[in-house]
Protein backbone atom coordinates (compact mmCIF):
# COMPACT_ATOMS: atom_id res chain seq x y z
CA MET A 1 -46.03 9.01 -16.37
CA LEU A 2 -42.70 7.26 -15.87
CA PHE A 3 -41.56 6.17 -12.40
CA SER A 4 -38.19 4.93 -11.20
CA VAL A 5 -38.68 1.96 -8.87
CA GLN A 6 -36.30 0.30 -6.44
CA VAL A 7 -37.29 -2.81 -4.48
CA GLU A 8 -34.96 -3.84 -1.64
CA VAL A 9 -35.42 -7.47 -0.60
CA THR A 10 -34.03 -8.87 2.66
CA LEU A 11 -34.47 -12.08 4.56
CA ARG A 12 -36.85 -11.84 7.51
CA GLN A 13 -35.41 -11.76 11.02
CA GLY A 14 -34.81 -15.31 12.24
CA VAL A 15 -34.27 -16.75 8.75
CA ALA A 16 -30.77 -18.21 8.32
CA ASP A 17 -28.54 -16.20 5.99
CA PRO A 18 -25.67 -18.48 4.92
CA GLN A 19 -24.23 -15.89 2.51
CA GLY A 20 -24.14 -13.25 5.23
CA ALA A 21 -22.56 -15.72 7.67
CA THR A 22 -19.86 -16.66 5.15
CA ILE A 23 -19.01 -13.01 4.51
CA GLU A 24 -18.94 -12.25 8.23
CA ARG A 25 -16.57 -15.17 8.94
CA SER A 26 -14.25 -14.11 6.09
CA LEU A 27 -13.89 -10.44 6.99
CA PRO A 28 -11.46 -10.81 9.93
CA HIS A 29 -9.10 -12.82 7.68
CA LEU A 30 -9.09 -9.84 5.31
CA GLY A 31 -8.32 -7.36 8.07
CA PHE A 32 -11.87 -6.12 8.70
CA ASP A 33 -12.42 -6.71 12.40
CA GLY A 34 -15.52 -5.71 14.30
CA VAL A 35 -18.09 -6.26 11.53
CA LYS A 36 -21.15 -8.04 12.92
CA GLY A 37 -24.64 -8.95 11.76
CA VAL A 38 -23.93 -9.24 8.03
CA ARG A 39 -27.11 -9.91 6.04
CA VAL A 40 -27.29 -10.31 2.25
CA GLY A 41 -30.26 -9.09 0.21
CA LYS A 42 -31.01 -8.00 -3.31
CA SER A 43 -31.90 -4.73 -4.98
CA ILE A 44 -34.16 -4.69 -8.04
CA ARG A 45 -34.44 -1.47 -10.06
CA PHE A 46 -36.66 -0.72 -13.03
CA ASP A 47 -38.75 2.00 -14.68
CA LEU A 48 -42.53 1.69 -14.78
CA GLU A 49 -45.13 3.53 -16.84
CA ALA A 50 -48.28 4.26 -14.81
CA ALA A 51 -51.06 6.85 -14.66
CA ASP A 52 -50.04 8.14 -11.21
CA GLU A 53 -47.97 7.24 -8.16
CA ALA A 54 -50.81 5.40 -6.44
CA SER A 55 -51.29 3.17 -9.49
CA ALA A 56 -47.55 2.61 -9.77
CA ARG A 57 -47.27 1.66 -6.09
CA ALA A 58 -50.20 -0.77 -6.33
CA GLU A 59 -48.66 -2.47 -9.38
CA VAL A 60 -45.20 -2.68 -7.80
CA GLU A 61 -46.60 -4.09 -4.55
CA ASP A 62 -48.48 -6.78 -6.51
CA LEU A 63 -45.40 -7.56 -8.62
CA THR A 64 -43.24 -7.73 -5.49
CA GLN A 65 -45.59 -10.09 -3.65
CA ARG A 66 -46.25 -12.36 -6.64
CA PHE A 67 -42.85 -12.48 -8.34
CA LEU A 68 -39.91 -10.59 -6.82
CA THR A 69 -40.00 -12.00 -3.28
CA ASN A 70 -40.86 -15.09 -1.33
CA PRO A 71 -43.17 -13.46 1.23
CA VAL A 72 -42.77 -16.42 3.59
CA ILE A 73 -39.06 -15.70 4.22
CA GLU A 74 -38.39 -12.25 2.72
CA ASP A 75 -39.38 -8.65 3.45
CA SER A 76 -39.27 -5.81 0.94
CA THR A 77 -39.05 -2.03 0.86
CA ILE A 78 -40.34 -0.19 -2.18
CA SER A 79 -39.13 3.26 -3.32
CA ILE A 80 -40.86 5.04 -6.19
CA VAL A 81 -39.71 8.35 -7.73
CA ALA A 82 -41.67 10.17 -10.43
CA GLY A 83 -40.02 11.50 -13.55
CA ALA A 84 -37.39 8.81 -14.13
CA ASN A 85 -34.93 9.21 -16.97
CA ALA A 86 -35.73 6.65 -19.63
């Protein structure tokens, strides 16, 4: 069965986000006032072949912990949808 996977990775609360800070400082100069708390993350999307959703989730969680994130400073949210278009 084919699954569509999306992993959203964000820095943990309390971890400095220099990219977010740079964007936040720049926005008023571009006419976007009132934007606060800018944080930058990454989104990783892929299709995965697995026997069932439980197997897919277990594999994605392992992949996320071992390769896609630095679990010391990053958190992740995993979304899995069955029946992805290949």
